């Protein structure tokens, strides 16, 4: 199943992302995923990442779409936030372990006083 993003709207404290679910036989079904903006901000998830996160949420729904309006829950946000934090830690540790090469490959010499 493919999901095509068709738009977004704000309903009070929820952002609702609309998609069309395109089946293998090319039938289309409208579906939307809502996310609580306060929870998004609490977990420091940028708003511009939400459409892709909601699409991944739909793609990861093993049982298929069971309704027209689904909710991207705080539990889902916590999983994403912890994965993002782990990736940031890994990137930081790689930067720390990198030792810059010396100029011309020669050892560093102390200048006489």
PDB file of N, CA and C in Angstrom:
ATOM      1  N   UNK A   1       0.844  -1.171   0.000  1.00  0.00           N
ATOM      2  CA  UNK A   1       0.000   0.000   0.000  1.00  0.00           C
ATOM      3  C   UNK A   1       0.890   1.235   0.000  1.00  0.00           C
ATOM      4  N   UNK A   2       0.517   2.194  -0.823  1.00  0.00           N
ATOM      5  CA  UNK A   2       1.222   3.473  -0.908  1.00  0.00           C
ATOM      6  C   UNK A   2       0.366   4.561  -0.280  1.00  0.00           C
ATOM      7  N   UNK A   3       1.023   5.560   0.311  1.00  0.00           N
ATOM      8  CA  UNK A   3       0.301   6.671   0.930  1.00  0.00           C
ATOM      9  C   UNK A   3       0.774   7.975   0.311  1.00  0.00           C
ATOM     10  N   UNK A   4      -0.176   8.723  -0.223  1.00  0.00           N
ATOM     11  CA  UNK A   4       0.119   9.998  -0.876  1.00  0.00           C
ATOM     12  C   UNK A   4      -0.414  11.124   0.006  1.00  0.00           C
ATOM     13  N   UNK A   5       0.491  12.027   0.402  1.00  0.00           N
ATOM     14  CA  UNK A   5       0.126  13.165   1.243  1.00  0.00           C
ATOM     15  C   UNK A   5      -0.736  14.131   0.440  1.00  0.00           C
ATOM     16  N   UNK A   6      -1.893  14.521   0.990  1.00  0.00           N
ATOM     17  CA  UNK A   6      -2.785  15.422   0.258  1.00  0.00           C
ATOM     18  C   UNK A   6      -3.027  16.753   0.961  1.00  0.00           C
ATOM     19  N   UNK A   7      -2.593  16.884   2.229  1.00  0.00           N
ATOM     20  CA  UNK A   7      -2.771  18.171   2.880  1.00  0.00           C
ATOM     21  C   UNK A   7      -2.746  18.082   4.392  1.00  0.00           C
ATOM     22  N   UNK A   8      -2.846  19.260   5.002  1.00  0.00           N
ATOM     23  CA  UNK A   8      -2.774  19.360   6.455  1.00  0.00           C
ATOM     24  C   UNK A   8      -3.715  20.459   6.915  1.00  0.00           C
ATOM     25  N   UNK A   9      -4.296  20.248   8.096  1.00  0.00           N
ATOM     26  CA  UNK A   9      -5.092  21.320   8.694  1.00  0.00           C
ATOM     27  C   UNK A   9      -4.941  21.254  10.209  1.00  0.00           C
ATOM     28  N   UNK A  10      -5.186  22.378  10.831  1.00  0.00           N
ATOM     29  CA  UNK A  10      -5.069  22.490  12.289  1.00  0.00           C
ATOM     30  C   UNK A  10      -6.475  22.485  12.876  1.00  0.00           C
ATOM     31  N   UNK A  11      -6.737  21.558  13.797  1.00  0.00           N
ATOM     32  CA  UNK A  11      -7.999  21.506  14.533  1.00  0.00           C
ATOM     33  C   UNK A  11      -7.680  21.659  16.011  1.00  0.00           C
ATOM     34  N   UNK A  12      -7.846  22.864  16.511  1.00  0.00           N
ATOM     35  CA  UNK A  12      -7.508  23.201  17.896  1.00  0.00           C
ATOM     36  C   UNK A  12      -6.048  22.867  18.161  1.00  0.00           C
ATOM     37  N   UNK A  13      -5.780  21.907  19.036  1.00  0.00           N
ATOM     38  CA  UNK A  13      -4.391  21.579  19.371  1.00  0.00           C
ATOM     39  C   UNK A  13      -3.875  20.373  18.587  1.00  0.00           C
ATOM     40  N   UNK A  14      -4.573  19.956  17.547  1.00  0.00           N
ATOM     41  CA  UNK A  14      -4.152  18.803  16.754  1.00  0.00           C
ATOM     42  C   UNK A  14      -3.883  19.211  15.320  1.00  0.00           C
ATOM     43  N   UNK A  15      -2.821  18.644  14.776  1.00  0.00           N
ATOM     44  CA  UNK A  15      -2.555  18.772  13.340  1.00  0.00           C
ATOM     45  C   UNK A  15      -3.061  17.495  12.708  1.00  0.00           C
ATOM     46  N   UNK A  16      -3.853  17.630  11.668  1.00  0.00           N
ATOM     47  CA  UNK A  16      -4.408  16.475  10.968  1.00  0.00           C
ATOM     48  C   UNK A  16      -3.820  16.422   9.559  1.00  0.00           C
ATOM     49  N   UNK A  17      -3.106  15.324   9.287  1.00  0.00           N
ATOM     50  CA  UNK A  17      -2.455  15.132   7.995  1.00  0.00           C
ATOM     51  C   UNK A  17      -3.286  14.158   7.176  1.00  0.00           C
ATOM     52  N   UNK A  18      -3.694  14.595   5.988  1.00  0.00           N
ATOM     53  CA  UNK A  18      -4.544  13.788   5.122  1.00  0.00           C
ATOM     54  C   UNK A  18      -3.682  13.053   4.089  1.00  0.00           C
ATOM     55  N   UNK A  19      -4.045  11.809   3.851  1.00  0.00           N
ATOM     56  CA  UNK A  19      -3.362  10.957   2.877  1.00  0.00           C
ATOM     57  C   UNK A  19      -4.398  10.206   2.061  1.00  0.00           C
ATOM     58  N   UNK A  20      -3.976   9.743   0.892  1.00  0.00           N
ATOM     59  CA  UNK A  20      -4.770   8.792   0.136  1.00  0.00           C
ATOM     60  C   UNK A  20      -4.001   7.484   0.143  1.00  0.00           C
ATOM     61  N   UNK A  21      -4.658   6.434   0.596  1.00  0.00           N
ATOM     62  CA  UNK A  21      -4.064   5.101   0.585  1.00  0.00           C
ATOM     63  C   UNK A  21      -4.363   4.490  -0.772  1.00  0.00           C
ATOM     64  N   UNK A  22      -3.296   4.165  -1.512  1.00  0.00           N
ATOM     65  CA  UNK A  22      -3.445   3.611  -2.851  1.00  0.00           C
ATOM     66  C   UNK A  22      -3.098   2.127  -2.784  1.00  0.00           C
ATOM     67  N   UNK A  23      -4.088   1.289  -3.046  1.00  0.00           N
ATOM     68  CA  UNK A  23      -3.901  -0.159  -2.985  1.00  0.00           C
ATOM     69  C   UNK A  23      -3.262  -0.657  -4.283  1.00  0.00           C
ATOM     70  N   UNK A  24      -2.869  -1.921  -4.278  1.00  0.00           N
ATOM     71  CA  UNK A  24      -2.223  -2.531  -5.452  1.00  0.00           C
ATOM     72  C   UNK A  24      -3.133  -2.498  -6.676  1.00  0.00           C
ATOM     73  N   UNK A  25      -4.441  -2.550  -6.472  1.00  0.00           N
ATOM     74  CA  UNK A  25      -5.381  -2.510  -7.597  1.00  0.00           C
ATOM     75  C   UNK A  25      -5.760  -1.076  -7.960  1.00  0.00           C
ATOM     76  N   UNK A  26      -5.042  -0.120  -7.385  1.00  0.00           N
ATOM     77  CA  UNK A  26      -5.163   1.321  -7.661  1.00  0.00           C
ATOM     78  C   UNK A  26      -6.448   1.937  -7.122  1.00  0.00           C
ATOM     79  N   UNK A  27      -7.083   1.295  -6.155  1.00  0.00           N
ATOM     80  CA  UNK A  27      -8.205   1.940  -5.487  1.00  0.00           C
ATOM     81  C   UNK A  27      -7.648   2.896  -4.449  1.00  0.00           C
ATOM     82  N   UNK A  28      -8.361   3.983  -4.209  1.00  0.00           N
ATOM     83  CA  UNK A  28      -7.891   5.014  -3.280  1.00  0.00           C
ATOM     84  C   UNK A  28      -8.863   5.158  -2.121  1.00  0.00           C
ATOM     85  N   UNK A  29      -8.288   5.292  -0.930  1.00  0.00           N
ATOM     86  CA  UNK A  29      -9.078   5.499   0.275  1.00  0.00           C
ATOM     87  C   UNK A  29      -8.490   6.681   1.027  1.00  0.00           C
ATOM     88  N   UNK A  30      -9.345   7.601   1.438  1.00  0.00           N
ATOM     89  CA  UNK A  30      -8.881   8.743   2.224  1.00  0.00           C
ATOM     90  C   UNK A  30      -8.653   8.307   3.664  1.00  0.00           C
ATOM     91  N   UNK A  31      -7.536   8.748   4.226  1.00  0.00           N
ATOM     92  CA  UNK A  31      -7.189   8.441   5.608  1.00  0.00           C
ATOM     93  C   UNK A  31      -6.442   9.638   6.175  1.00  0.00           C
ATOM     94  N   UNK A  32      -6.571   9.859   7.477  1.00  0.00           N
ATOM     95  CA  UNK A  32      -5.830  10.966   8.086  1.00  0.00           C
ATOM     96  C   UNK A  32      -5.201  10.499   9.391  1.00  0.00           C
ATOM     97  N   UNK A  33      -4.110  11.185   9.743  1.00  0.00           N
ATOM     98  CA  UNK A  33      -3.394  10.906  10.987  1.00  0.00           C
ATOM     99  C   UNK A  33      -3.301  12.223  11.738  1.00  0.00           C
ATOM    100  N   UNK A  34      -3.738  12.206  12.996  1.00  0.00           N
ATOM    101  CA  UNK A  34      -3.698  13.408  13.829  1.00  0.00           C
ATOM    102  C   UNK A  34      -2.571  13.295  14.850  1.00  0.00           C
ATOM    103  N   UNK A  35      -1.979  14.440  15.164  1.00  0.00           N
ATOM    104  CA  UNK A  35      -0.911  14.487  16.162  1.00  0.00           C
ATOM    105  C   UNK A  35      -1.137  15.702  17.065  1.00  0.00           C
ATOM    106  N   UNK A  36      -0.981  15.494  18.358  1.00  0.00           N
ATOM    107  CA  UNK A  36      -1.142  16.556  19.341  1.00  0.00           C
ATOM    108  C   UNK A  36       0.087  17.468  19.303  1.00  0.00           C
ATOM    109  N   UNK A  37      -0.126  18.734  19.009  1.00  0.00           N
ATOM    110  CA  UNK A  37       0.972  19.689  18.865  1.00  0.00           C
ATOM    111  C   UNK A  37       1.720  19.875  20.182  1.00  0.00           C
ATOM    112  N   UNK A  38       1.004  19.891  21.304  1.00  0.00           N
ATOM    113  CA  UNK A  38       1.667  20.057  22.609  1.00  0.00           C
ATOM    114  C   UNK A  38       2.628  18.900  22.871  1.00  0.00           C
ATOM    115  N   UNK A  39       2.226  17.683  22.540  1.00  0.00           N
ATOM    116  CA  UNK A  39       3.109  16.519  22.730  1.00  0.00           C
ATOM    117  C   UNK A  39       4.305  16.574  21.797  1.00  0.00           C
ATOM    118  N   UNK A  40       4.072  17.038  20.584  1.00  0.00           N
ATOM    119  CA  UNK A  40       5.162  17.169  19.613  1.00  0.00           C
ATOM    120  C   UNK A  40       6.218  18.131  20.152  1.00  0.00           C
ATOM    121  N   UNK A  41       5.769  19.268  20.661  1.00  0.00           N
ATOM    122  CA  UNK A  41       6.699  20.253  21.201  1.00  0.00           C
ATOM    123  C   UNK A  41       7.378  19.731  22.465  1.00  0.00           C
ATOM    124  N   UNK A  42       6.640  18.995  23.278  1.00  0.00           N
ATOM    125  CA  UNK A  42       7.195  18.422  24.511  1.00  0.00           C
ATOM    126  C   UNK A  42       8.369  17.491  24.209  1.00  0.00           C
ATOM    127  N   UNK A  43       8.256  16.733  23.124  1.00  0.00           N
ATOM    128  CA  UNK A  43       9.300  15.780  22.755  1.00  0.00           C
ATOM    129  C   UNK A  43      10.293  16.358  21.739  1.00  0.00           C
ATOM    130  N   UNK A  44      10.191  17.672  21.506  1.00  0.00           N
ATOM    131  CA  UNK A  44      11.122  18.413  20.647  1.00  0.00           C
ATOM    132  C   UNK A  44      11.201  17.834  19.237  1.00  0.00           C
ATOM    133  N   UNK A  45      10.042  17.492  18.692  1.00  0.00           N
ATOM    134  CA  UNK A  45       9.958  17.008  17.314  1.00  0.00           C
ATOM    135  C   UNK A  45       9.571  18.197  16.441  1.00  0.00           C
ATOM    136  N   UNK A  46      10.398  18.542  15.459  1.00  0.00           N
ATOM    137  CA  UNK A  46      10.071  19.680  14.587  1.00  0.00           C
ATOM    138  C   UNK A  46       8.778  19.430  13.798  1.00  0.00           C
ATOM    139  N   UNK A  47       7.953  20.468  13.683  1.00  0.00           N
ATOM    140  CA  UNK A  47       6.677  20.335  12.969  1.00  0.00           C
ATOM    141  C   UNK A  47       6.858  19.917  11.516  1.00  0.00           C
ATOM    142  N   UNK A  48       7.959  20.332  10.895  1.00  0.00           N
ATOM    143  CA  UNK A  48       8.156  19.999   9.484  1.00  0.00           C
ATOM    144  C   UNK A  48       8.429  18.507   9.281  1.00  0.00           C
ATOM    145  N   UNK A  49       8.758  17.774  10.342  1.00  0.00           N
ATOM    146  CA  UNK A  49       8.984  16.333  10.229  1.00  0.00           C
ATOM    147  C   UNK A  49       7.687  15.528  10.331  1.00  0.00           C
ATOM    148  N   UNK A  50       6.624  16.147  10.786  1.00  0.00           N
ATOM    149  CA  UNK A  50       5.380  15.414  11.038  1.00  0.00           C
ATOM    150  C   UNK A  50       4.757  14.738   9.823  1.00  0.00           C
ATOM    151  N   UNK A  51       4.687  15.368   8.650  1.00  0.00           N
ATOM    152  CA  UNK A  51       4.071  14.653   7.522  1.00  0.00           C
ATOM    153  C   UNK A  51       4.776  13.323   7.214  1.00  0.00           C
ATOM    154  N   UNK A  52       6.088  13.330   7.227  1.00  0.00           N
ATOM    155  CA  UNK A  52       6.832  12.098   6.955  1.00  0.00           C
ATOM    156  C   UNK A  52       6.663  11.094   8.090  1.00  0.00           C
ATOM    157  N   UNK A  53       6.652  11.555   9.329  1.00  0.00           N
ATOM    158  CA  UNK A  53       6.438  10.659  10.465  1.00  0.00           C
ATOM    159  C   UNK A  53       5.057  10.009  10.396  1.00  0.00           C
ATOM    160  N   UNK A  54       4.051  10.790  10.018  1.00  0.00           N
ATOM    161  CA  UNK A  54       2.699  10.234   9.900  1.00  0.00           C
ATOM    162  C   UNK A  54       2.619   9.223   8.755  1.00  0.00           C
ATOM    163  N   UNK A  55       3.322   9.490   7.677  1.00  0.00           N
ATOM    164  CA  UNK A  55       3.341   8.534   6.562  1.00  0.00           C
ATOM    165  C   UNK A  55       4.028   7.239   6.996  1.00  0.00           C
ATOM    166  N   UNK A  56       5.153   7.350   7.695  1.00  0.00           N
ATOM    167  CA  UNK A  56       5.835   6.155   8.204  1.00  0.00           C
ATOM    168  C   UNK A  56       4.948   5.401   9.192  1.00  0.00           C
ATOM    169  N   UNK A  57       4.182   6.147   9.988  1.00  0.00           N
ATOM    170  CA  UNK A  57       3.236   5.540  10.915  1.00  0.00           C
ATOM    171  C   UNK A  57       2.224   4.685  10.146  1.00  0.00           C
ATOM    172  N   UNK A  58       1.695   5.231   9.055  1.00  0.00           N
ATOM    173  CA  UNK A  58       0.747   4.477   8.236  1.00  0.00           C
ATOM    174  C   UNK A  58       1.408   3.251   7.607  1.00  0.00           C
ATOM    175  N   UNK A  59       2.613   3.427   7.087  1.00  0.00           N
ATOM    176  CA  UNK A  59       3.328   2.308   6.451  1.00  0.00           C
ATOM    177  C   UNK A  59       3.671   1.216   7.449  1.00  0.00           C
ATOM    178  N   UNK A  60       3.908   1.584   8.699  1.00  0.00           N
ATOM    179  CA  UNK A  60       4.255   0.614   9.726  1.00  0.00           C
ATOM    180  C   UNK A  60       3.057  -0.055  10.362  1.00  0.00           C
ATOM    181  N   UNK A  61       1.869   0.365   9.976  1.00  0.00           N
ATOM    182  CA  UNK A  61       0.651  -0.219  10.518  1.00  0.00           C
ATOM    183  C   UNK A  61       0.470  -1.611   9.899  1.00  0.00           C
ATOM    184  N   UNK A  62       0.941  -2.635  10.603  1.00  0.00           N
ATOM    185  CA  UNK A  62       0.976  -4.004  10.076  1.00  0.00           C
ATOM    186  C   UNK A  62      -0.421  -4.523   9.741  1.00  0.00           C
ATOM    187  N   UNK A  63      -1.394  -4.153  10.541  1.00  0.00           N
ATOM    188  CA  UNK A  63      -2.754  -4.655  10.322  1.00  0.00           C
ATOM    189  C   UNK A  63      -3.470  -3.935   9.194  1.00  0.00           C
ATOM    190  N   UNK A  64      -2.835  -2.941   8.624  1.00  0.00           N
ATOM    191  CA  UNK A  64      -3.490  -2.142   7.600  1.00  0.00           C
ATOM    192  C   UNK A  64      -4.294  -1.039   8.257  1.00  0.00           C
ATOM    193  N   UNK A  65      -4.817  -0.155   7.461  1.00  0.00           N
ATOM    194  CA  UNK A  65      -5.595   0.959   7.977  1.00  0.00           C
ATOM    195  C   UNK A  65      -6.928   0.423   8.475  1.00  0.00           C
ATOM    196  N   UNK A  66      -7.219   0.672   9.752  1.00  0.00           N
ATOM    197  CA  UNK A  66      -8.451   0.151  10.333  1.00  0.00           C
ATOM    198  C   UNK A  66      -9.509   1.238  10.497  1.00  0.00           C
ATOM    199  N   UNK A  67      -9.205   2.436  10.096  1.00  0.00           N
ATOM    200  CA  UNK A  67     -10.162   3.531  10.207  1.00  0.00           C
ATOM    201  C   UNK A  67      -9.704   4.691   9.361  1.00  0.00           C
ATOM    202  N   UNK A  68     -10.554   5.699   9.268  1.00  0.00           N
ATOM    203  CA  UNK A  68     -10.210   6.854   8.440  1.00  0.00           C
ATOM    204  C   UNK A  68      -9.377   7.878   9.184  1.00  0.00           C
ATOM    205  N   UNK A  69      -9.493   7.926  10.517  1.00  0.00           N
ATOM    206  CA  UNK A  69      -8.786   8.929  11.302  1.00  0.00           C
ATOM    207  C   UNK A  69      -7.985   8.228  12.394  1.00  0.00           C
ATOM    208  N   UNK A  70      -6.670   8.195  12.216  1.00  0.00           N
ATOM    209  CA  UNK A  70      -5.784   7.538  13.167  1.00  0.00           C
ATOM    210  C   UNK A  70      -5.066   8.592  14.005  1.00  0.00           C
ATOM    211  N   UNK A  71      -4.489   8.164  15.122  1.00  0.00           N
ATOM    212  CA  UNK A  71      -3.809   9.080  16.024  1.00  0.00           C
ATOM    213  C   UNK A  71      -2.346   8.676  16.190  1.00  0.00           C
ATOM    214  N   UNK A  72      -1.443   9.622  15.946  1.00  0.00           N
ATOM    215  CA  UNK A  72      -0.022   9.448  16.198  1.00  0.00           C
ATOM    216  C   UNK A  72       0.155   9.748  17.683  1.00  0.00           C
ATOM    217  N   UNK A  73       0.239   8.704  18.488  1.00  0.00           N
ATOM    218  CA  UNK A  73       0.165   8.846  19.945  1.00  0.00           C
ATOM    219  C   UNK A  73       1.483   9.311  20.553  1.00  0.00           C
ATOM    220  N   UNK A  74       1.405   9.653  21.829  1.00  0.00           N
ATOM    221  CA  UNK A  74       2.606  10.066  22.552  1.00  0.00           C
ATOM    222  C   UNK A  74       3.603   8.904  22.638  1.00  0.00           C
ATOM    223  N   UNK A  75       3.107   7.694  22.705  1.00  0.00           N
ATOM    224  CA  UNK A  75       3.980   6.512  22.712  1.00  0.00           C
ATOM    225  C   UNK A  75       4.797   6.453  21.419  1.00  0.00           C
ATOM    226  N   UNK A  76       4.147   6.714  20.281  1.00  0.00           N
ATOM    227  CA  UNK A  76       4.852   6.738  18.998  1.00  0.00           C
ATOM    228  C   UNK A  76       5.894   7.855  18.966  1.00  0.00           C
ATOM    229  N   UNK A  77       5.546   8.992  19.563  1.00  0.00           N
ATOM    230  CA  UNK A  77       6.473  10.128  19.612  1.00  0.00           C
ATOM    231  C   UNK A  77       7.690   9.792  20.468  1.00  0.00           C
ATOM    232  N   UNK A  78       7.464   9.099  21.587  1.00  0.00           N
ATOM    233  CA  UNK A  78       8.570   8.704  22.461  1.00  0.00           C
ATOM    234  C   UNK A  78       9.540   7.773  21.749  1.00  0.00           C
ATOM    235  N   UNK A  79       9.012   6.834  20.978  1.00  0.00           N
ATOM    236  CA  UNK A  79       9.867   5.915  20.217  1.00  0.00           C
ATOM    237  C   UNK A  79      10.720   6.706  19.232  1.00  0.00           C
ATOM    238  N   UNK A  80      10.093   7.629  18.500  1.00  0.00           N
ATOM    239  CA  UNK A  80      10.834   8.442  17.538  1.00  0.00           C
ATOM    240  C   UNK A  80      11.881   9.309  18.232  1.00  0.00           C
ATOM    241  N   UNK A  81      11.501   9.962  19.345  1.00  0.00           N
ATOM    242  CA  UNK A  81      12.421  10.850  20.059  1.00  0.00           C
ATOM    243  C   UNK A  81      13.612  10.074  20.613  1.00  0.00           C
ATOM    244  N   UNK A  82      13.390   8.874  21.138  1.00  0.00           N
ATOM    245  CA  UNK A  82      14.512   8.087  21.675  1.00  0.00           C
ATOM    246  C   UNK A  82      15.416   7.586  20.553  1.00  0.00           C
ATOM    247  N   UNK A  83      14.834   7.206  19.399  1.00  0.00           N
ATOM    248  CA  UNK A  83      15.652   6.795  18.252  1.00  0.00           C
ATOM    249  C   UNK A  83      16.506   7.958  17.753  1.00  0.00           C
ATOM    250  N   UNK A  84      15.904   9.149  17.715  1.00  0.00           N
ATOM    251  CA  UNK A  84      16.634  10.339  17.257  1.00  0.00           C
ATOM    252  C   UNK A  84      17.760  10.686  18.231  1.00  0.00           C
ATOM    253  N   UNK A  85      17.515  10.558  19.536  1.00  0.00           N
ATOM    254  CA  UNK A  85      18.540  10.849  20.538  1.00  0.00           C
ATOM    255  C   UNK A  85      19.691   9.849  20.445  1.00  0.00           C
ATOM    256  N   UNK A  86      19.379   8.575  20.215  1.00  0.00           N
ATOM    257  CA  UNK A  86      20.420   7.556  20.068  1.00  0.00           C
ATOM    258  C   UNK A  86      21.283   7.834  18.837  1.00  0.00           C
ATOM    259  N   UNK A  87      20.653   8.241  17.746  1.00  0.00           N
ATOM    260  CA  UNK A  87      21.405   8.568  16.532  1.00  0.00           C
ATOM    261  C   UNK A  87      22.306   9.781  16.756  1.00  0.00           C
ATOM    262  N   UNK A  88      21.830  10.769  17.504  1.00  0.00           N
ATOM    263  CA  UNK A  88      22.638  11.954  17.798  1.00  0.00           C
ATOM    264  C   UNK A  88      23.837  11.592  18.675  1.00  0.00           C
ATOM    265  N   UNK A  89      23.633  10.704  19.660  1.00  0.00           N
ATOM    266  CA  UNK A  89      24.737  10.253  20.516  1.00  0.00           C
ATOM    267  C   UNK A  89      25.786   9.498  19.703  1.00  0.00           C
ATOM    268  N   UNK A  90      25.332   8.651  18.803  1.00  0.00           N
ATOM    269  CA  UNK A  90      26.254   7.893  17.957  1.00  0.00           C
ATOM    270  C   UNK A  90      27.071   8.837  17.083  1.00  0.00           C
ATOM    271  N   UNK A  91      26.418   9.820  16.495  1.00  0.00           N
ATOM    272  CA  UNK A  91      27.126  10.797  15.661  1.00  0.00           C
ATOM    273  C   UNK A  91      28.135  11.589  16.478  1.00  0.00           C
ATOM    274  N   UNK A  92      27.776  11.968  17.697  1.00  0.00           N
ATOM    275  CA  UNK A  92      28.687  12.724  18.556  1.00  0.00           C
ATOM    276  C   UNK A  92      29.888  11.874  18.942  1.00  0.00           C
ATOM    277  N   UNK A  93      29.675  10.596  19.228  1.00  0.00           N
ATOM    278  CA  UNK A  93      30.797   9.736  19.605  1.00  0.00           C
ATOM    279  C   UNK A  93      31.739   9.497  18.429  1.00  0.00           C
ATOM    280  N   UNK A  94      31.199   9.465  17.221  1.00  0.00           N
ATOM    281  CA  UNK A  94      32.057   9.314  16.037  1.00  0.00           C
ATOM    282  C   UNK A  94      32.911  10.556  15.831  1.00  0.00           C
ATOM    283  N   UNK A  95      32.321  11.730  16.095  1.00  0.00           N
ATOM    284  CA  UNK A  95      33.095  12.974  15.945  1.00  0.00           C
ATOM    285  C   UNK A  95      34.212  13.041  16.978  1.00  0.00           C
ATOM    286  N   UNK A  96      33.959  12.592  18.193  1.00  0.00           N
ATOM    287  CA  UNK A  96      34.960  12.638  19.251  1.00  0.00           C
ATOM    288  C   UNK A  96      36.115  11.692  18.979  1.00  0.00           C
ATOM    289  N   UNK A  97      35.849  10.541  18.392  1.00  0.00           N
ATOM    290  CA  UNK A  97      36.891   9.551  18.178  1.00  0.00           C
ATOM    291  C   UNK A  97      37.765   9.868  16.967  1.00  0.00           C
ATOM    292  N   UNK A  98      37.378  10.839  16.185  1.00  0.00           N
ATOM    293  CA  UNK A  98      38.155  11.204  14.999  1.00  0.00           C
ATOM    294  C   UNK A  98      39.341  12.074  15.405  1.00  0.00           C
ATOM    295  N   UNK A  99      40.539  11.636  15.056  1.00  0.00           N
ATOM    296  CA  UNK A  99      41.750  12.406  15.335  1.00  0.00           C
ATOM    297  C   UNK A  99      42.202  13.037  14.025  1.00  0.00           C
ATOM    298  N   UNK A 100      42.289  14.368  13.982  1.00  0.00           N
ATOM    299  CA  UNK A 100      42.668  15.018  12.729  1.00  0.00           C
ATOM    300  C   UNK A 100      44.118  14.685  12.362  1.00  0.00           C
ATOM    301  N   UNK A 101      44.412  14.519  11.071  1.00  0.00           N
ATOM    302  CA  UNK A 101      45.773  14.214  10.648  1.00  0.00           C
ATOM    303  C   UNK A 101      46.704  15.405  10.864  1.00  0.00           C
ATOM    304  N   UNK A 102      47.955  15.107  11.062  1.00  0.00           N
ATOM    305  CA  UNK A 102      48.957  16.168  11.224  1.00  0.00           C
ATOM    306  C   UNK A 102      49.350  16.684   9.847  1.00  0.00           C
ATOM    307  N   UNK A 103      49.731  17.940   9.778  1.00  0.00           N
ATOM    308  CA  UNK A 103      50.129  18.500   8.478  1.00  0.00           C
ATOM    309  C   UNK A 103      51.350  17.765   7.925  1.00  0.00           C
ATOM    310  N   UNK A 104      51.338  17.448   6.670  1.00  0.00           N
ATOM    311  CA  UNK A 104      52.422  16.773   5.949  1.00  0.00           C
ATOM    312  C   UNK A 104      52.764  15.410   6.535  1.00  0.00           C
ATOM    313  N   UNK A 105      51.972  14.888   7.414  1.00  0.00           N
ATOM    314  CA  UNK A 105      52.218  13.569   7.984  1.00  0.00           C
ATOM    315  C   UNK A 105      53.414  13.510   8.915  1.00  0.00           C
ATOM    316  N   UNK A 106      54.012  14.652   9.244  1.00  0.00           N
ATOM    317  CA  UNK A 106      55.200  14.653  10.102  1.00  0.00           C
ATOM    318  C   UNK A 106      54.814  14.809  11.565  1.00  0.00           C
ATOM    319  N   UNK A 107      55.653  14.324  12.467  1.00  0.00           N
ATOM    320  CA  UNK A 107      55.346  14.487  13.891  1.00  0.00           C
ATOM    321  C   UNK A 107      55.430  15.950  14.289  1.00  0.00           C
ATOM    322  N   UNK A 108      54.720  16.274  15.322  1.00  0.00           N
ATOM    323  CA  UNK A 108      54.723  17.654  15.812  1.00  0.00           C
ATOM    324  C   UNK A 108      56.029  17.902  16.564  1.00  0.00           C
ATOM    325  N   UNK A 109      56.715  18.960  16.172  1.00  0.00           N
ATOM    326  CA  UNK A 109      57.964  19.311  16.821  1.00  0.00           C
ATOM    327  C   UNK A 109      57.788  20.530  17.691  1.00  0.00           C
ATOM    328  N   UNK A 110      58.454  20.529  18.828  1.00  0.00           N
ATOM    329  CA  UNK A 110      58.404  21.709  19.677  1.00  0.00           C
ATOM    330  C   UNK A 110      59.408  22.719  19.168  1.00  0.00           C
ATOM    331  N   UNK A 111      59.036  23.979  19.202  1.00  0.00           N
ATOM    332  CA  UNK A 111      59.927  25.045  18.759  1.00  0.00           C
ATOM    333  C   UNK A 111      60.881  25.363  19.896  1.00  0.00           C
ATOM    334  N   UNK A 112      62.166  25.567  19.579  1.00  0.00           N
ATOM    335  CA  UNK A 112      63.117  25.933  20.623  1.00  0.00           C
ATOM    336  C   UNK A 112      62.810  27.326  21.170  1.00  0.00           C
ATOM    337  N   UNK A 113      63.114  27.501  22.446  1.00  0.00           N
ATOM    338  CA  UNK A 113      62.848  28.783  23.089  1.00  0.00           C
ATOM    339  C   UNK A 113      64.024  29.701  22.993  1.00  0.00           C
TER     340      UNK A 113
END
